[in-house]
Amino acid sequence: MFEVGQRIVYPLHGLAIVKKIIEKEVEDESLKYYVIEIPREELMVKVPIKNAEGIGIRKVISSDEVAGVFKIFLKGKSKMAKNWNRRFKRNIERMKTNDITKIAEVVRNLSLKKKDSGLSIREKRMLEKAKGILISEIACAQDINEKEALSEVESYFI
């Protein structure tokens, strides 16, 4: 169970903060909810506590785990479909897992593809979204600002 004030990671949105825990009556049953703020998107979400794990909400990685994320950038890109539509679907699947290593793979693959032959408009948006999710978590884990985290990430693709 997460606590009020705890920073967490919400699937497809990135860093979030548990603002409060509330209780609501739903069909004669008392349910507890997390009220979660997603600052990057100025969004508030209510999630039943009993569904949080199934949705994929998780705690932020530790600062020690960040090095493992950066190691992913040093590996060559994964085999990607030539068809951008298939590539896009596969990358969405990776991002939905809310696994930081899969999100890092999306950033790596799309960043390398962008350098090699360019990206479609949707893939450019996906790269920015994946980078935003990744950067927000790295910044939180390392206790640095997002600009510094972005600099670290982009240094692998210069």
C-alpha atoms as a PDB file:
ATOM      1  CA  MET A   1       0.000   0.000   0.000  1.00  0.00           C
ATOM      2  CA  PHE A   2       1.241   3.464  -0.868  1.00  0.00           C
ATOM      3  CA  GLU A   3       1.193   6.371   1.546  1.00  0.00           C
ATOM      4  CA  VAL A   4       0.007   9.956   1.165  1.00  0.00           C
ATOM      5  CA  GLY A   5       2.843  12.035  -0.281  1.00  0.00           C
ATOM      6  CA  GLN A   6       4.585   9.029  -1.811  1.00  0.00           C
ATOM      7  CA  ARG A   7       5.856   9.357  -5.371  1.00  0.00           C
ATOM      8  CA  ILE A   8       4.788   6.517  -7.629  1.00  0.00           C
ATOM      9  CA  VAL A   9       4.749   5.683 -11.321  1.00  0.00           C
ATOM     10  CA  TYR A  10       1.413   5.570 -13.151  1.00  0.00           C
ATOM     11  CA  PRO A  11       1.294   3.608 -16.456  1.00  0.00           C
ATOM     12  CA  LEU A  12       1.575   5.713 -19.622  1.00  0.00           C
ATOM     13  CA  HIS A  13       1.831   8.917 -17.556  1.00  0.00           C
ATOM     14  CA  GLY A  14       4.968   8.582 -15.443  1.00  0.00           C
ATOM     15  CA  LEU A  15       5.686  10.159 -12.102  1.00  0.00           C
ATOM     16  CA  ALA A  16       2.677  10.731  -9.874  1.00  0.00           C
ATOM     17  CA  ILE A  17       2.035  11.625  -6.240  1.00  0.00           C
ATOM     18  CA  VAL A  18      -0.460  10.049  -3.856  1.00  0.00           C
ATOM     19  CA  LYS A  19      -2.317  13.151  -2.635  1.00  0.00           C
ATOM     20  CA  LYS A  20      -4.776  11.440  -0.320  1.00  0.00           C
ATOM     21  CA  ILE A  21      -6.632   8.254   0.432  1.00  0.00           C
ATOM     22  CA  ILE A  22     -10.404   8.468   0.517  1.00  0.00           C
ATOM     23  CA  GLU A  23     -13.227   6.087   1.261  1.00  0.00           C
ATOM     24  CA  LYS A  24     -16.400   5.935  -0.854  1.00  0.00           C
ATOM     25  CA  GLU A  25     -19.552   3.900  -0.697  1.00  0.00           C
ATOM     26  CA  VAL A  26     -20.151   2.027  -3.946  1.00  0.00           C
ATOM     27  CA  GLU A  27     -23.172  -0.276  -4.165  1.00  0.00           C
ATOM     28  CA  ASP A  28     -23.327  -0.781  -0.381  1.00  0.00           C
ATOM     29  CA  GLU A  29     -19.611  -1.503  -0.217  1.00  0.00           C
ATOM     30  CA  SER A  30     -17.017   0.791   1.309  1.00  0.00           C
ATOM     31  CA  LEU A  31     -13.986   1.131  -0.999  1.00  0.00           C
ATOM     32  CA  LYS A  32     -10.713   2.964  -0.437  1.00  0.00           C
ATOM     33  CA  TYR A  33      -9.226   4.997  -3.271  1.00  0.00           C
ATOM     34  CA  TYR A  34      -5.902   6.648  -3.938  1.00  0.00           C
ATOM     35  CA  VAL A  35      -6.270  10.197  -5.186  1.00  0.00           C
ATOM     36  CA  ILE A  36      -3.258  10.563  -7.446  1.00  0.00           C
ATOM     37  CA  GLU A  37      -1.856  13.704  -9.026  1.00  0.00           C
ATOM     38  CA  ILE A  38       0.088  13.454 -12.284  1.00  0.00           C
ATOM     39  CA  PRO A  39       1.944  16.791 -12.344  1.00  0.00           C
ATOM     40  CA  ARG A  40       3.301  16.625 -15.936  1.00  0.00           C
ATOM     41  CA  GLU A  41      -0.232  16.408 -17.278  1.00  0.00           C
ATOM     42  CA  GLU A  42      -2.010  18.426 -14.578  1.00  0.00           C
ATOM     43  CA  LEU A  43      -4.249  15.430 -13.984  1.00  0.00           C
ATOM     44  CA  MET A  44      -5.933  13.980 -10.875  1.00  0.00           C
ATOM     45  CA  VAL A  45      -7.008  10.329 -10.880  1.00  0.00           C
ATOM     46  CA  LYS A  46      -8.916   8.194  -8.371  1.00  0.00           C
ATOM     47  CA  VAL A  47      -7.845   4.563  -8.290  1.00  0.00           C
ATOM     48  CA  PRO A  48      -9.377   1.864  -6.100  1.00  0.00           C
ATOM     49  CA  ILE A  49      -6.582   0.652  -3.834  1.00  0.00           C
ATOM     50  CA  LYS A  50      -7.494  -2.969  -4.532  1.00  0.00           C
ATOM     51  CA  ASN A  51      -6.955  -2.375  -8.291  1.00  0.00           C
ATOM     52  CA  ALA A  52      -3.719  -0.377  -8.082  1.00  0.00           C
ATOM     53  CA  GLU A  53      -1.356  -3.301  -8.615  1.00  0.00           C
ATOM     54  CA  GLY A  54      -3.441  -4.721 -11.470  1.00  0.00           C
ATOM     55  CA  ILE A  55      -3.409  -1.342 -13.203  1.00  0.00           C
ATOM     56  CA  GLY A  56       0.376  -1.370 -12.981  1.00  0.00           C
ATOM     57  CA  ILE A  57       0.991   1.407 -10.478  1.00  0.00           C
ATOM     58  CA  ARG A  58       4.386   0.886  -8.878  1.00  0.00           C
ATOM     59  CA  LYS A  59       6.952   2.596  -6.707  1.00  0.00           C
ATOM     60  CA  VAL A  60       9.731   4.714  -8.221  1.00  0.00           C
ATOM     61  CA  ILE A  61      12.993   2.882  -8.934  1.00  0.00           C
ATOM     62  CA  SER A  62      15.906   3.428  -6.565  1.00  0.00           C
ATOM     63  CA  SER A  63      18.906   5.561  -7.466  1.00  0.00           C
ATOM     64  CA  ASP A  64      20.940   2.335  -7.730  1.00  0.00           C
ATOM     65  CA  GLU A  65      18.577   1.011 -10.411  1.00  0.00           C
ATOM     66  CA  VAL A  66      19.122   4.050 -12.648  1.00  0.00           C
ATOM     67  CA  ALA A  67      22.506   2.682 -13.784  1.00  0.00           C
ATOM     68  CA  GLY A  68      20.702  -0.413 -15.108  1.00  0.00           C
ATOM     69  CA  VAL A  69      18.380   1.811 -17.114  1.00  0.00           C
ATOM     70  CA  PHE A  70      21.339   3.607 -18.690  1.00  0.00           C
ATOM     71  CA  LYS A  71      22.949   0.257 -19.595  1.00  0.00           C
ATOM     72  CA  ILE A  72      19.951  -0.368 -21.872  1.00  0.00           C
ATOM     73  CA  PHE A  73      21.011   2.647 -23.942  1.00  0.00           C
ATOM     74  CA  LEU A  74      24.391   1.030 -24.601  1.00  0.00           C
ATOM     75  CA  LYS A  75      22.876  -2.061 -26.207  1.00  0.00           C
ATOM     76  CA  GLY A  76      22.004  -2.005 -29.889  1.00  0.00           C
ATOM     77  CA  LYS A  77      18.408  -1.342 -30.827  1.00  0.00           C
ATOM     78  CA  SER A  78      15.930  -4.198 -30.676  1.00  0.00           C
ATOM     79  CA  LYS A  79      14.755  -5.741 -33.916  1.00  0.00           C
ATOM     80  CA  MET A  80      11.971  -3.474 -35.122  1.00  0.00           C
ATOM     81  CA  ALA A  81       9.330  -3.954 -37.764  1.00  0.00           C
ATOM     82  CA  LYS A  82       9.904  -2.013 -40.959  1.00  0.00           C
ATOM     83  CA  ASN A  83       6.240  -1.027 -41.023  1.00  0.00           C
ATOM     84  CA  TRP A  84       5.845   2.007 -38.720  1.00  0.00           C
ATOM     85  CA  ASN A  85       2.345   0.885 -37.682  1.00  0.00           C
ATOM     86  CA  ARG A  86       3.616  -2.447 -36.325  1.00  0.00           C
ATOM     87  CA  ARG A  87       6.556  -0.707 -34.668  1.00  0.00           C
ATOM     88  CA  PHE A  88       4.157   1.754 -33.053  1.00  0.00           C
ATOM     89  CA  LYS A  89       1.913  -1.033 -31.697  1.00  0.00           C
ATOM     90  CA  ARG A  90       4.900  -2.911 -30.268  1.00  0.00           C
ATOM     91  CA  ASN A  91       6.202   0.217 -28.577  1.00  0.00           C
ATOM     92  CA  ILE A  92       2.773   0.975 -27.094  1.00  0.00           C
ATOM     93  CA  GLU A  93       2.740  -2.554 -25.654  1.00  0.00           C
ATOM     94  CA  ARG A  94       6.158  -1.932 -24.086  1.00  0.00           C
ATOM     95  CA  MET A  95       5.026   1.354 -22.563  1.00  0.00           C
ATOM     96  CA  LYS A  96       1.816  -0.137 -21.163  1.00  0.00           C
ATOM     97  CA  THR A  97       3.857  -2.577 -19.078  1.00  0.00           C
ATOM     98  CA  ASN A  98       5.029   0.376 -16.950  1.00  0.00           C
ATOM     99  CA  ASP A  99       8.387  -1.394 -16.726  1.00  0.00           C
ATOM    100  CA  ILE A 100      11.129   1.244 -16.726  1.00  0.00           C
ATOM    101  CA  THR A 101      13.445  -1.005 -18.751  1.00  0.00           C
ATOM    102  CA  LYS A 102      10.816  -1.433 -21.489  1.00  0.00           C
ATOM    103  CA  ILE A 103      10.231   2.331 -21.585  1.00  0.00           C
ATOM    104  CA  ALA A 104      14.006   2.842 -21.841  1.00  0.00           C
ATOM    105  CA  GLU A 105      14.021   0.414 -24.791  1.00  0.00           C
ATOM    106  CA  VAL A 106      11.368   2.524 -26.528  1.00  0.00           C
ATOM    107  CA  VAL A 107      13.449   5.665 -25.965  1.00  0.00           C
ATOM    108  CA  ARG A 108      16.607   3.911 -27.203  1.00  0.00           C
ATOM    109  CA  ASN A 109      14.990   2.346 -30.277  1.00  0.00           C
ATOM    110  CA  LEU A 110      13.162   5.469 -31.380  1.00  0.00           C
ATOM    111  CA  SER A 111      16.142   7.748 -30.672  1.00  0.00           C
ATOM    112  CA  LEU A 112      18.396   5.546 -32.810  1.00  0.00           C
ATOM    113  CA  LYS A 113      15.768   5.267 -35.551  1.00  0.00           C
ATOM    114  CA  LYS A 114      15.363   9.036 -35.513  1.00  0.00           C
ATOM    115  CA  LYS A 115      19.124   9.423 -36.088  1.00  0.00           C
ATOM    116  CA  ASP A 116      19.183   6.772 -38.830  1.00  0.00           C
ATOM    117  CA  SER A 117      16.148   7.452 -40.961  1.00  0.00           C
ATOM    118  CA  GLY A 118      13.682   9.671 -39.129  1.00  0.00           C
ATOM    119  CA  LEU A 119      10.343   9.005 -37.442  1.00  0.00           C
ATOM    120  CA  SER A 120       6.714   9.387 -38.364  1.00  0.00           C
ATOM    121  CA  ILE A 121       4.805  12.146 -36.559  1.00  0.00           C
ATOM    122  CA  ARG A 122       3.164   9.602 -34.233  1.00  0.00           C
ATOM    123  CA  GLU A 123       6.515   8.021 -33.435  1.00  0.00           C
ATOM    124  CA  LYS A 124       7.985  11.465 -32.669  1.00  0.00           C
ATOM    125  CA  ARG A 125       5.145  12.050 -30.190  1.00  0.00           C
ATOM    126  CA  MET A 126       5.686   8.600 -28.714  1.00  0.00           C
ATOM    127  CA  LEU A 127       9.400   9.283 -28.274  1.00  0.00           C
ATOM    128  CA  GLU A 128       8.647  12.528 -26.449  1.00  0.00           C
ATOM    129  CA  LYS A 129       6.061  10.790 -24.258  1.00  0.00           C
ATOM    130  CA  ALA A 130       8.392   7.888 -23.417  1.00  0.00           C
ATOM    131  CA  LYS A 131      11.248  10.314 -22.728  1.00  0.00           C
ATOM    132  CA  GLY A 132       8.998  12.358 -20.437  1.00  0.00           C
ATOM    133  CA  ILE A 133       7.972   9.268 -18.457  1.00  0.00           C
ATOM    134  CA  LEU A 134      11.576   8.075 -18.230  1.00  0.00           C
ATOM    135  CA  ILE A 135      13.030  11.452 -17.328  1.00  0.00           C
ATOM    136  CA  SER A 136      10.466  12.159 -14.608  1.00  0.00           C
ATOM    137  CA  GLU A 137      11.289   8.872 -12.890  1.00  0.00           C
ATOM    138  CA  ILE A 138      15.063   9.216 -13.266  1.00  0.00           C
ATOM    139  CA  ALA A 139      14.917  12.753 -11.863  1.00  0.00           C
ATOM    140  CA  CYS A 140      12.913  11.538  -8.871  1.00  0.00           C
ATOM    141  CA  ALA A 141      15.142   8.506  -8.285  1.00  0.00           C
ATOM    142  CA  GLN A 142      18.344  10.566  -8.427  1.00  0.00           C
ATOM    143  CA  ASP A 143      16.863  13.616  -6.692  1.00  0.00           C
ATOM    144  CA  ILE A 144      17.801  15.920  -9.582  1.00  0.00           C
ATOM    145  CA  ASN A 145      15.678  18.190 -11.751  1.00  0.00           C
ATOM    146  CA  GLU A 146      14.182  17.003 -15.040  1.00  0.00           C
ATOM    147  CA  LYS A 147      16.481  19.186 -17.115  1.00  0.00           C
ATOM    148  CA  GLU A 148      19.514  17.383 -15.646  1.00  0.00           C
ATOM    149  CA  ALA A 149      17.860  13.998 -16.194  1.00  0.00           C
ATOM    150  CA  LEU A 150      17.073  14.921 -19.817  1.00  0.00           C
ATOM    151  CA  SER A 151      20.706  15.893 -20.337  1.00  0.00           C
ATOM    152  CA  GLU A 152      21.857  12.526 -18.974  1.00  0.00           C
ATOM    153  CA  VAL A 153      19.476  10.593 -21.222  1.00  0.00           C
ATOM    154  CA  GLU A 154      20.231  12.590 -24.358  1.00  0.00           C
ATOM    155  CA  SER A 155      24.003  12.243 -23.852  1.00  0.00           C
ATOM    156  CA  TYR A 156      23.653   8.603 -24.956  1.00  0.00           C
ATOM    157  CA  PHE A 157      22.214   9.586 -28.341  1.00  0.00           C
ATOM    158  CA  ILE A 158      24.441  12.451 -29.459  1.00  0.00           C
END
